[in-house]
């Protein structure tokens, strides 16, 4: 009589191969180039797709169980936050401006990344990359959903959250993040992986989800903390996969090196420009701050980025071309951006304000070589104008950079008293830029960027410069969503509700 032998339990590596590589097949009635036409589009040479390694070796069944457990924990905390009036536990309603920017600019970017990975997963012939892209596409749509669900509770009580989809598509400051993702999604599959896996996940995510979520916790916002840390475990996997994709391309063929280096140069600078929003959220919009933008950059930019490029140096990769200019801009960018947001506050779906003495003392301590010299005098002047009843408001429209679509508000890398402006002519038309980095990106692919939809020129072309019609078009409620925080409905309601929640009257 034969003995029954227990089935041998598969190891992690064998199970991963069975559930990924062994599910693929070679096409027979169509050539592989016909099935995957875009894989040769960018000039990247791949000789062996089986060399792609997923360092996590996560199978789909394990993935669903892991994510389902995270969902249960997430929604339990979000429900408790809503039922216990968690919106009154934040330090100050000024903090909500940071959340409004997050919902209007960052959350739609997560959804765009979902669509991009769904497409790229179809365009790559390697089964390992297809599975990795499928998981990340699901991750990204989940991130967008959890962020919208977490912030929807604030929409019940405060202005500026109600039309984030219109804001993403139409308001000038959100076009910065939108153009980043439109640029990535209109690229080939390999460049898309660099744009998201390196720039969005490595450059942006480290400097947004970790320090900003710590700031959210410090300001009593458990809803934001919950979706941030729920997403961060996914982001760690995304960063590792992005790095794996870079190494995969570099190891496949030496001819890939200059192409990959060019993409790293481009997407570092594109990501750095989007960080202008993040720097302002950290330095100005957190009533209680954990760290400055400069301190976050030192930890998550210089240390982490330096380690990354040191790791890639053995392949011949150098730090991105704009790295030195970025370092010179760190002590200026949040101040310059906040000054811009304040003067154009009529056109923002959130509130801005003049920093208090306490705020400026903190900024002075964190930026000892720049704030008192260049920016405190400006804020002092703006405060005097406000006290005299003539607040500094700029109803002129800003000149936008053709590449990153930010207003041209930044200064020269080596001279903070001189505005940085570049221009170039292409096919008889002049185009304007905020930096050398953005001009170089345009010069490399002019046909792509001449098609950019810029909100400011469109106001004149489509609405004849009618500011009121523009506000209706972007679903911006004048006097409620925009303008100064002082005296706003958000301030009045928060102060009244907080008082009721903390007193017996």
Foldseek 3Di string as FASTA:
>chain_A
DDDDDDDDDDDLVVVLCVQWVVVDDADDPDHPCVQQVQPPVLPQDFDDLVVQDQPVSDHPVNLVVVLVVLVVVLVVVLVVCLVVVLVLQFQALLLVQLLLCCLLAVLVLLQLLLVLLCVLLSNDRRRVSVVVSPSSSVLSPVLSVLSCSLCVSVVVPAFLNPQSVLSCVFFQLNVLRVLLSVVLSPDGSLLVLCLCLPLVLQVPLLLPLPQVLVLCVVRSRVSSVSSSVSSVVVSVSSNVSSLSSLVSSLVRDVVCVVVSLVSQQQNNVSSLVNCLSVQLSQLPRRPDHDAHQVVSCVVRPVPVVVVSQVVCVVSVHDHHPCPLLSNLCSLPSNLLVLVVCQQAQQRHLAAHAQDDPVSLVVNCVRNVVPCVVPPPVVSVVQVVCVVVVRHRHDPDDAQAALQSSDGQRAADSVDRVHGAKDWDDDPRDIGIHNDPSRVVVCVVPVVVSVPDDHNPVCCCVPVVVDVVVSCVSSVRDGQARTYHPVPHPSNVSSVVVSVVVPDDD
